[in-house]
Protein backbone atom coordinates (compact mmCIF):
# COMPACT_ATOMS: atom_id res chain seq x y z
CA MET A 1 3.50 -72.94 -74.86
CA ASP A 2 4.00 -70.63 -71.87
CA LYS A 3 0.86 -68.67 -70.98
CA VAL A 4 0.76 -65.21 -69.40
CA ILE A 5 -2.25 -63.30 -68.11
CA VAL A 6 -2.20 -59.53 -68.60
CA THR A 7 -4.87 -57.64 -66.68
CA GLY A 8 -5.70 -54.26 -68.20
CA GLY A 9 -5.63 -53.02 -71.78
CA GLY A 10 -4.15 -49.57 -71.22
CA LEU A 11 -0.79 -48.38 -72.52
CA ALA A 12 1.28 -50.61 -70.23
CA GLY A 13 -0.91 -53.69 -70.61
CA SER A 14 -1.02 -53.33 -74.38
CA GLU A 15 2.75 -52.96 -74.60
CA ALA A 16 3.33 -55.90 -72.28
CA ALA A 17 0.98 -58.19 -74.21
CA TRP A 18 2.58 -57.22 -77.52
CA GLN A 19 6.13 -57.80 -76.30
CA LEU A 20 5.22 -61.24 -74.93
CA ALA A 21 3.14 -62.37 -77.91
CA LYS A 22 5.73 -61.47 -80.52
CA ARG A 23 8.22 -63.62 -78.58
CA GLY A 24 5.96 -66.63 -79.01
CA LEU A 25 4.15 -66.72 -75.67
CA CYS A 26 0.41 -67.24 -75.34
CA VAL A 27 -1.19 -64.13 -73.81
CA ILE A 28 -4.63 -63.64 -72.32
CA ILE A 29 -5.66 -60.00 -71.93
CA TYR A 30 -8.43 -59.31 -69.43
CA GLU A 31 -10.07 -55.91 -70.00
CA MET A 32 -13.31 -55.00 -68.25
CA ARG A 33 -14.25 -52.20 -70.65
CA PRO A 34 -16.76 -51.66 -72.22
CA ASN A 35 -18.78 -54.08 -70.05
CA LYS A 36 -17.73 -52.03 -67.04
CA ASN A 37 -16.38 -48.55 -67.61
CA THR A 38 -14.25 -46.27 -65.43
CA PRO A 39 -15.07 -42.66 -64.43
CA ALA A 40 -12.80 -41.40 -67.24
CA HIS A 41 -12.83 -43.90 -70.13
CA LYS A 42 -15.42 -43.66 -72.89
CA THR A 43 -14.70 -46.68 -75.11
CA GLY A 44 -13.62 -50.29 -74.90
CA ASN A 45 -10.56 -49.72 -77.08
CA PHE A 46 -7.08 -50.57 -75.86
CA ALA A 47 -4.70 -47.78 -74.88
CA GLU A 48 -7.46 -45.16 -74.69
CA MET A 49 -5.93 -41.83 -73.64
CA VAL A 50 -8.08 -40.05 -71.08
CA CYS A 51 -5.84 -37.11 -70.18
CA SER A 52 -3.65 -35.16 -72.63
CA ASN A 53 -3.19 -36.40 -76.21
CA SER A 54 0.53 -35.61 -76.02
CA PHE A 55 3.27 -38.14 -75.28
CA GLY A 56 5.66 -35.29 -74.53
CA ALA A 57 8.83 -34.05 -76.20
CA SER A 58 10.43 -36.06 -79.00
CA ASP A 59 13.72 -34.17 -79.15
CA ILE A 60 16.49 -36.68 -78.41
CA SER A 61 18.16 -34.23 -76.03
CA SER A 62 15.10 -34.16 -73.75
CA PRO A 63 14.47 -36.85 -71.10
CA ALA A 64 11.10 -37.69 -72.68
CA GLY A 65 12.76 -37.91 -76.08
CA ILE A 66 15.43 -40.26 -74.75
CA LEU A 67 12.75 -42.54 -73.35
CA LYS A 68 10.94 -42.65 -76.70
CA HIS A 69 14.14 -43.56 -78.54
CA GLU A 70 14.84 -46.32 -76.03
CA LEU A 71 11.38 -47.80 -76.50
CA LYS A 72 11.90 -47.90 -80.25
CA PHE A 73 14.96 -50.14 -79.78
CA PHE A 74 12.53 -52.77 -78.53
CA ASN A 75 9.99 -52.24 -81.33
CA SER A 76 7.42 -50.70 -79.01
CA LEU A 77 3.83 -51.13 -80.17
CA ILE A 78 2.79 -47.89 -78.46
CA MET A 79 5.52 -45.90 -80.20
CA GLU A 80 4.69 -47.43 -83.56
CA CYS A 81 0.98 -46.61 -83.28
CA ALA A 82 1.70 -43.14 -81.88
CA GLU A 83 3.86 -42.22 -84.86
CA LYS A 84 1.21 -43.50 -87.27
CA SER A 85 -1.51 -41.35 -85.65
CA GLN A 86 0.60 -38.25 -85.01
CA VAL A 87 -0.85 -34.72 -85.14
CA PRO A 88 1.13 -31.43 -85.28
CA ALA A 89 2.43 -30.39 -81.86
CA GLY A 90 5.77 -28.70 -82.42
CA LYS A 91 8.56 -30.77 -80.89
CA ALA A 92 6.11 -32.97 -79.00
CA LEU A 93 4.62 -36.29 -80.07
CA ALA A 94 0.85 -35.82 -79.95
CA VAL A 95 -1.73 -38.15 -81.46
CA ASP A 96 -5.28 -38.38 -82.65
CA ARG A 97 -6.69 -40.28 -79.67
CA GLU A 98 -9.31 -42.28 -81.57
CA ILE A 99 -7.01 -43.36 -84.41
CA PHE A 100 -4.25 -44.23 -81.96
CA SER A 101 -6.36 -46.48 -79.73
CA LEU A 102 -7.98 -48.15 -82.73
CA LEU A 103 -4.54 -48.96 -84.16
CA VAL A 104 -3.41 -50.53 -80.88
CA THR A 105 -6.65 -52.51 -80.62
CA GLU A 106 -6.36 -53.79 -84.18
CA ARG A 107 -2.74 -54.86 -83.77
CA LEU A 108 -3.42 -56.81 -80.59
CA SER A 109 -6.64 -58.35 -81.92
CA SER A 110 -4.82 -59.62 -85.01
CA MET A 111 -2.21 -61.58 -83.03
CA PRO A 112 -3.11 -65.31 -83.18
CA ASN A 113 -1.54 -66.05 -79.79
CA ILE A 114 -3.43 -63.28 -77.96
CA GLU A 115 -6.84 -64.02 -76.47
CA ILE A 116 -8.93 -61.05 -75.37
CA ILE A 117 -11.51 -61.55 -72.60
CA ARG A 118 -13.83 -58.69 -71.70
CA LYS A 119 -14.20 -59.33 -68.00
CA GLU A 120 -13.36 -57.59 -64.74
CA ILE A 121 -10.64 -59.27 -62.69
CA THR A 122 -11.49 -58.92 -59.00
CA GLY A 123 -8.48 -60.70 -57.53
CA ILE A 124 -4.91 -61.55 -58.43
CA PRO A 125 -5.09 -64.50 -60.86
CA GLU A 126 -3.10 -67.71 -60.47
CA GLY A 127 -0.08 -68.34 -62.68
CA ALA A 128 2.12 -65.92 -64.56
CA VAL A 129 0.46 -62.51 -64.31
CA ILE A 130 1.20 -58.91 -65.23
CA ILE A 131 -1.15 -56.51 -63.45
CA ALA A 132 -1.45 -53.37 -65.56
CA THR A 133 -4.87 -52.04 -64.62
CA GLY A 134 -3.57 -48.51 -64.32
CA PRO A 135 -4.70 -45.49 -62.35
CA LEU A 136 -8.35 -46.51 -62.50
CA THR A 137 -7.98 -50.02 -61.13
CA SER A 138 -11.38 -51.30 -59.99
CA THR A 139 -12.08 -51.40 -56.28
CA PRO A 140 -12.17 -55.22 -55.89
CA LEU A 141 -8.77 -55.69 -57.52
CA ALA A 142 -7.37 -52.71 -55.63
CA GLU A 143 -8.50 -54.30 -52.36
CA SER A 144 -6.92 -57.59 -53.41
CA LEU A 145 -3.63 -55.81 -54.08
CA LYS A 146 -3.84 -54.01 -50.78
CA SER A 147 -4.30 -57.31 -48.95
CA ALA A 148 -1.30 -58.75 -50.76
CA ILE A 149 1.11 -55.89 -50.12
CA GLY A 150 -0.21 -54.42 -46.86
CA GLU A 151 -0.40 -50.79 -45.86
CA ASN A 152 2.34 -49.71 -48.30
CA TYR A 153 -0.46 -49.23 -50.79
CA LEU A 154 -1.03 -45.56 -51.66
CA SER A 155 -3.43 -43.51 -53.79
CA PHE A 156 -3.77 -40.09 -55.37
CA TYR A 157 -6.12 -38.43 -57.83
CA ASP A 158 -5.63 -37.13 -61.35
CA ALA A 159 -7.41 -34.50 -63.42
CA VAL A 160 -8.23 -34.13 -67.13
CA ALA A 161 -8.19 -30.98 -69.27
CA PRO A 162 -11.19 -29.84 -71.37
CA ILE A 163 -11.29 -29.84 -75.19
CA VAL A 164 -12.93 -27.23 -77.44
CA MET A 165 -13.86 -27.14 -81.13
CA ALA A 166 -11.26 -25.32 -83.20
CA GLU A 167 -13.88 -23.43 -85.18
CA SER A 168 -15.24 -21.91 -81.96
CA ILE A 169 -11.89 -20.27 -81.12
CA ASP A 170 -11.95 -16.58 -82.05
CA SER A 171 -8.99 -16.19 -84.43
CA ASP A 172 -9.38 -12.42 -84.36
CA ILE A 173 -8.11 -12.59 -80.78
CA ALA A 174 -6.18 -15.87 -80.53
CA TRP A 175 -3.26 -16.48 -82.87
CA LYS A 176 -1.36 -19.61 -83.87
CA ALA A 177 2.31 -19.81 -82.92
CA GLY A 178 4.85 -21.80 -80.98
CA ARG A 179 6.94 -20.34 -78.21
CA TYR A 180 9.88 -18.27 -79.50
CA GLY A 181 8.51 -18.53 -83.05
CA ARG A 182 8.90 -22.30 -83.23
CA GLY A 183 6.15 -23.27 -85.64
CA LYS A 184 2.44 -22.48 -85.52
CA ASP A 185 1.04 -25.51 -83.75
CA TYR A 186 -0.64 -23.84 -80.76
CA PHE A 187 -3.51 -21.38 -80.42
CA ASN A 188 -2.54 -18.58 -78.02
CA CYS A 189 -5.16 -16.62 -76.10
CA PRO A 190 -3.71 -13.40 -74.62
CA MET A 191 -4.75 -11.74 -71.38
CA ASN A 192 -4.04 -8.24 -70.19
CA ARG A 193 -3.69 -7.39 -66.50
CA GLU A 194 -7.40 -6.72 -65.95
CA GLN A 195 -8.54 -9.84 -67.83
CA TYR A 196 -6.14 -12.03 -65.86
CA ALA A 197 -7.33 -10.57 -62.54
CA ALA A 198 -10.97 -11.28 -63.39
CA PHE A 199 -10.15 -14.81 -64.61
CA TYR A 200 -8.08 -15.56 -61.52
CA ASP A 201 -10.81 -14.44 -59.12
CA ALA A 202 -13.41 -16.49 -60.98
CA LEU A 203 -11.20 -19.57 -61.10
CA ILE A 204 -10.37 -19.80 -57.41
CA SER A 205 -13.96 -19.08 -56.35
CA ALA A 206 -15.64 -21.45 -58.84
CA GLU A 207 -17.64 -24.40 -57.55
CA ARG A 208 -15.81 -27.71 -57.61
CA VAL A 209 -16.95 -31.30 -57.75
CA VAL A 210 -17.47 -32.55 -54.20
CA PRO A 211 -15.42 -35.73 -53.73
CA ARG A 212 -17.17 -38.85 -52.54
CA ASP A 213 -16.39 -40.17 -49.07
CA PHE A 214 -13.65 -42.52 -50.29
CA GLU A 215 -12.08 -39.66 -52.26
CA LYS A 216 -11.80 -37.06 -49.53
CA GLU A 217 -8.21 -37.79 -48.53
CA TYR A 218 -5.94 -37.49 -51.54
CA SER A 219 -2.98 -35.66 -52.97
CA PHE A 220 -2.05 -34.78 -56.53
CA PHE A 221 1.08 -35.58 -58.51
CA GLU A 222 2.64 -32.18 -59.17
CA GLY A 223 2.45 -32.47 -62.97
CA CYS A 224 -1.31 -33.16 -62.89
CA MET A 225 -2.36 -30.61 -60.28
CA PRO A 226 -5.81 -29.11 -61.10
CA ILE A 227 -5.39 -25.56 -62.35
CA GLU A 228 -7.67 -24.17 -59.66
CA GLN A 229 -5.48 -25.73 -56.97
CA VAL A 230 -2.31 -24.38 -58.61
CA ALA A 231 -3.89 -20.91 -58.65
CA GLU A 232 -4.48 -21.06 -54.90
CA ARG A 233 -0.72 -21.10 -54.34
CA GLY A 234 -0.52 -17.44 -55.29
CA TYR A 235 -1.81 -14.78 -57.65
CA ASP A 236 1.10 -15.02 -60.09
CA THR A 237 1.63 -18.78 -59.94
CA LEU A 238 -0.20 -19.41 -63.22
CA ARG A 239 1.73 -16.62 -64.96
CA PHE A 240 4.93 -18.48 -64.18
CA GLY A 241 3.41 -21.83 -65.11
CA ALA A 242 0.74 -22.87 -67.58
CA LEU A 243 -0.12 -19.26 -68.50
CA LYS A 244 3.41 -17.91 -68.84
CA PRO A 245 3.67 -15.45 -71.78
CA VAL A 246 7.41 -15.84 -72.33
CA GLY A 247 8.33 -16.18 -76.01
CA LEU A 248 4.79 -15.48 -77.23
CA ALA A 249 4.64 -11.98 -78.69
CA ASP A 250 1.13 -10.87 -79.68
CA PRO A 251 1.25 -10.14 -83.45
CA GLY A 252 -1.20 -7.28 -82.90
CA THR A 253 1.06 -5.41 -80.48
CA GLY A 254 4.45 -7.01 -80.94
CA GLU A 255 4.70 -7.40 -77.17
CA GLU A 256 4.26 -10.25 -74.73
CA PRO A 257 0.80 -10.25 -73.09
CA TYR A 258 0.38 -10.28 -69.32
CA ALA A 259 -0.59 -13.97 -69.53
CA VAL A 260 -1.30 -16.49 -72.31
CA VAL A 261 -3.51 -19.59 -72.43
CA GLN A 262 -2.27 -22.13 -74.98
CA LEU A 263 -4.40 -24.72 -76.79
CA ARG A 264 -2.87 -27.79 -78.43
CA GLN A 265 -4.29 -29.70 -81.42
CA ASP A 266 -6.05 -32.87 -80.29
CA ASN A 267 -6.85 -34.74 -83.51
CA ILE A 268 -5.39 -35.17 -87.00
CA GLU A 269 -8.09 -33.10 -88.66
CA GLY A 270 -7.30 -30.18 -86.38
CA THR A 271 -10.94 -29.76 -85.39
CA MET A 272 -10.35 -30.10 -81.64
CA PHE A 273 -7.92 -28.35 -79.29
CA ASN A 274 -7.25 -28.97 -75.59
CA LEU A 275 -6.40 -26.32 -73.02
CA VAL A 276 -2.78 -26.94 -72.06
CA GLY A 277 -2.25 -27.27 -68.32
CA PHE A 278 -5.98 -26.93 -67.56
CA GLN A 279 -6.58 -30.21 -65.76
CA THR A 280 -9.52 -29.39 -63.56
CA GLY A 281 -12.05 -30.61 -61.08
CA LEU A 282 -14.51 -27.75 -61.53
CA ARG A 283 -18.17 -28.54 -62.14
CA TRP A 284 -18.95 -28.61 -65.85
CA GLY A 285 -21.19 -25.54 -65.78
CA GLU A 286 -18.45 -23.64 -63.96
CA GLN A 287 -15.90 -24.72 -66.56
CA GLU A 288 -18.03 -23.16 -69.30
CA ARG A 289 -18.49 -19.95 -67.33
CA VAL A 290 -14.90 -19.49 -66.18
CA PHE A 291 -13.02 -20.72 -69.24
CA ARG A 292 -15.14 -18.61 -71.59
CA MET A 293 -13.67 -15.61 -69.77
CA ILE A 294 -10.41 -16.41 -71.60
CA PRO A 295 -10.07 -14.00 -74.55
CA GLY A 296 -10.67 -15.97 -77.74
CA LEU A 297 -12.77 -18.60 -75.98
CA GLN A 298 -15.81 -16.45 -75.23
CA ASN A 299 -17.85 -18.58 -77.65
CA ALA A 300 -15.96 -21.85 -77.11
CA GLU A 301 -17.80 -25.08 -77.84
CA PHE A 302 -16.66 -27.69 -75.34
CA VAL A 303 -16.56 -31.23 -76.71
CA ARG A 304 -15.13 -32.61 -73.48
CA PHE A 305 -15.09 -31.12 -70.02
CA GLY A 306 -12.36 -31.70 -67.48
CA VAL A 307 -12.93 -34.47 -64.96
CA MET A 308 -11.17 -35.85 -61.90
CA HIS A 309 -10.48 -39.54 -61.48
CA ARG A 310 -8.86 -41.86 -59.01
CA ASN A 311 -5.23 -42.79 -59.57
CA ILE A 312 -3.53 -45.49 -57.50
CA TYR A 313 0.00 -46.79 -57.20
CA VAL A 314 2.12 -48.94 -54.92
CA ASN A 315 5.02 -47.92 -52.74
CA ALA A 316 7.52 -49.32 -55.22
CA PRO A 317 10.71 -49.43 -53.11
CA ALA A 318 8.82 -51.35 -50.44
CA VAL A 319 6.85 -53.83 -52.52
CA LEU A 320 8.59 -54.31 -55.91
CA ASP A 321 11.93 -55.82 -56.84
CA SER A 322 14.11 -54.38 -59.62
CA ALA A 323 12.24 -56.45 -62.22
CA LEU A 324 8.81 -55.05 -61.10
CA ARG A 325 7.91 -58.35 -59.45
CA LEU A 326 5.80 -58.20 -56.27
CA LYS A 327 8.07 -59.15 -53.36
CA SER A 328 5.20 -60.41 -51.23
CA PHE A 329 4.65 -63.38 -53.55
CA GLY A 330 8.06 -64.86 -52.79
CA GLY A 331 9.55 -64.84 -56.27
CA LYS A 332 6.43 -65.97 -58.13
CA ASN A 333 5.77 -64.49 -61.55
CA ILE A 334 3.44 -61.71 -60.40
CA PHE A 335 4.56 -58.44 -61.98
CA LEU A 336 3.15 -54.92 -61.97
CA ALA A 337 3.31 -52.56 -64.94
CA GLY A 338 2.35 -49.00 -65.80
CA GLN A 339 1.34 -46.33 -63.33
CA LEU A 340 0.69 -48.89 -60.62
CA THR A 341 4.46 -49.18 -60.27
CA GLY A 342 4.79 -45.53 -59.25
CA VAL A 343 5.74 -43.87 -62.52
CA GLU A 344 3.81 -40.93 -63.95
CA GLY A 345 3.19 -40.30 -67.63
CA TYR A 346 2.14 -42.11 -70.77
CA MET A 347 5.61 -43.09 -71.98
CA GLU A 348 6.80 -43.97 -68.51
CA SER A 349 3.82 -46.32 -68.09
CA THR A 350 4.52 -47.86 -71.48
CA ALA A 351 8.14 -48.39 -70.50
CA MET A 352 7.13 -50.23 -67.34
CA GLY A 353 4.90 -52.46 -69.47
CA LEU A 354 7.94 -53.25 -71.59
CA VAL A 355 10.11 -53.96 -68.54
CA ALA A 356 7.54 -56.25 -66.91
CA ALA A 357 7.02 -58.19 -70.15
CA LEU A 358 10.71 -58.73 -70.86
CA ASN A 359 11.38 -59.83 -67.30
CA MET A 360 8.38 -62.14 -67.38
CA TYR A 361 9.78 -63.70 -70.55
CA CYS A 362 13.21 -64.13 -68.98
CA SER A 363 11.68 -65.70 -65.87
CA LEU A 364 9.63 -68.21 -67.84
CA LYS A 365 12.69 -69.11 -69.92
CA ASN A 366 14.86 -69.52 -66.80
CA MET A 367 17.02 -66.55 -67.72
CA PRO A 368 18.30 -63.88 -65.30
CA ASP A 369 16.28 -60.69 -64.86
CA LEU A 370 17.13 -57.94 -67.32
CA VAL A 371 19.26 -55.14 -65.96
CA PHE A 372 18.66 -51.90 -67.83
CA PRO A 373 21.68 -49.57 -67.94
CA ARG A 374 21.59 -47.06 -65.11
CA GLU A 375 22.52 -44.36 -67.65
CA SER A 376 19.34 -44.95 -69.65
CA ALA A 377 15.94 -43.35 -69.12
CA ILE A 378 14.35 -46.73 -68.37
CA GLY A 379 17.20 -47.69 -66.06
CA SER A 380 16.96 -44.36 -64.25
CA LEU A 381 13.23 -44.81 -63.69
CA LEU A 382 13.77 -48.33 -62.36
CA ASN A 383 16.55 -47.08 -60.11
CA TYR A 384 14.19 -44.47 -58.67
CA LEU A 385 11.48 -47.06 -58.03
CA LYS A 386 13.96 -49.31 -56.27
CA ASN A 387 15.85 -46.76 -54.20
CA ALA A 388 13.42 -43.92 -53.42
CA ASP A 389 12.61 -43.06 -49.82
CA VAL A 390 9.98 -45.56 -48.69
CA LYS A 391 8.50 -43.14 -46.15
CA HIS A 392 8.01 -40.32 -48.65
CA PHE A 393 7.57 -42.16 -51.95
CA GLN A 394 5.75 -40.23 -54.68
CA PRO A 395 5.22 -41.03 -58.39
CA MET A 396 7.97 -39.91 -60.76
CA ASN A 397 8.20 -39.12 -64.44
CA VAL A 398 11.37 -39.15 -66.51
CA ASN A 399 13.53 -36.07 -65.94
CA LEU A 400 17.20 -35.11 -65.91
CA GLY A 401 17.30 -35.26 -62.13
CA ILE A 402 17.00 -39.07 -62.05
CA PHE A 403 19.82 -39.69 -64.55
CA PRO A 404 23.29 -40.33 -63.10
CA PRO A 405 25.68 -37.38 -63.50
CA LEU A 406 28.20 -37.28 -66.31
CA GLU A 407 31.63 -38.49 -65.34
CA GLY A 408 34.66 -36.24 -65.59
CA ARG A 409 34.55 -32.50 -66.11
CA LYS A 410 31.49 -30.43 -65.39
CA ILE A 411 29.50 -29.29 -68.41
CA LYS A 412 28.19 -25.80 -67.79
CA LYS A 413 26.07 -25.40 -70.92
CA LYS A 414 22.70 -27.02 -70.34
CA ALA A 415 22.14 -27.94 -73.99
CA GLU A 416 25.54 -29.62 -74.25
CA ARG A 417 25.00 -31.52 -70.99
CA ARG A 418 21.58 -32.75 -72.10
CA GLN A 419 22.97 -33.88 -75.43
CA MET A 420 25.77 -35.82 -73.76
CA ILE A 421 23.34 -37.51 -71.35
CA ALA A 422 21.15 -38.46 -74.31
CA GLU A 423 24.02 -39.87 -76.36
CA ARG A 424 25.26 -41.89 -73.39
CA ALA A 425 21.78 -43.30 -72.73
CA ILE A 426 21.15 -44.32 -76.34
CA GLU A 427 24.59 -45.91 -76.62
CA LYS A 428 24.06 -48.00 -73.46
CA VAL A 429 20.56 -49.15 -74.41
CA SER A 430 21.73 -50.00 -77.92
CA GLU A 431 24.48 -52.18 -76.45
CA MET A 432 21.99 -53.91 -74.15
CA ALA A 433 19.47 -54.52 -76.91
CA ARG A 434 22.13 -56.11 -79.12
CA GLU A 435 23.54 -58.16 -76.25
CA TYR A 436 20.13 -59.71 -75.53
CA GLY A 437 19.26 -60.10 -79.21
CA PHE A 438 16.36 -57.64 -79.17
CA ILE A 439 17.70 -55.88 -82.28
């Protein structure tokens, strides 16, 4: 029986191990947690989510929704467990973190051809390997990767949003509603002009965690920029971003507030809510002081504070082939998966775990590498990783900009164009899945 080593039990590693094991291969998962933890993880469970509890939009006409539908064609473990642990979040797929990671752990642990070893991998193992250690790859393995691929190795840092107890949110001030009246899944904390000014001044002047020496030179992926750093771009930046009041009329006045802070449900019971867009690197005491200035959160009970953590990735167009195989190993079965490949986002990482696993399977069975349709979300991500500018490579999440344009006449209506892109993607992936016998 063919044997594959998967290093890392995050979203990508879990998906990769599952895809390989259910195709009859013997899989060894190396996961260092809980024997050695990271700066952000709290448990030893597989697929633990350390940032948002949302997997993004599920609507088929959205890029994130297209990606989710494509994953389901391949019986994705992550999608299956996410849907079983889902919590209300409007049109988004959000989960109860604990239930979700426990489900993934149980499914992988129950597979007879999966062996789980709780041990840190400090170098690239021999044999068929998928490296999926994610944004918090340990220093020894990171150094081993750097030696293997040279100076095309890059790094950036990520930030996590705080969570508060639902019962500590003042419902006399905050109200539950979705934007434009779409459901009642979010708490909305309104700010008038004076409240916003005071909050803004406090936010940009608050004390931040001082990075360690090896953390002093870093950049942030745009979608995970700490809120205090976003605020420094200009006084109104937050009002046109995370705190935009558009479509959120205050039921007390019937008018849109000057700014609105939204909180999204974080567990099935609805006892915890996270501050949407509030990834932060402020000191914990400062988070309490500044975020309790938000109307409705003056008595907030924080069950998790925001933290910053290291996030690393490779320069994909320089070091990976189209199957996510490391070029520097001369065609050997050494694949990367997840955020290490240069994608950003939970579902994107999962998708790269799927891609690495399927291509590993094909390689071991002497089959050609899989070629995902360029029109698909997965194919568009892979195309970006292969063809992006090597000199200015930055992580990418799934978005309409990476899909190929529609052929023929121009479609002016955005909704119609998105729907057509979605239908084309699903059709192409469905054809591919049937061609290869995946469905």
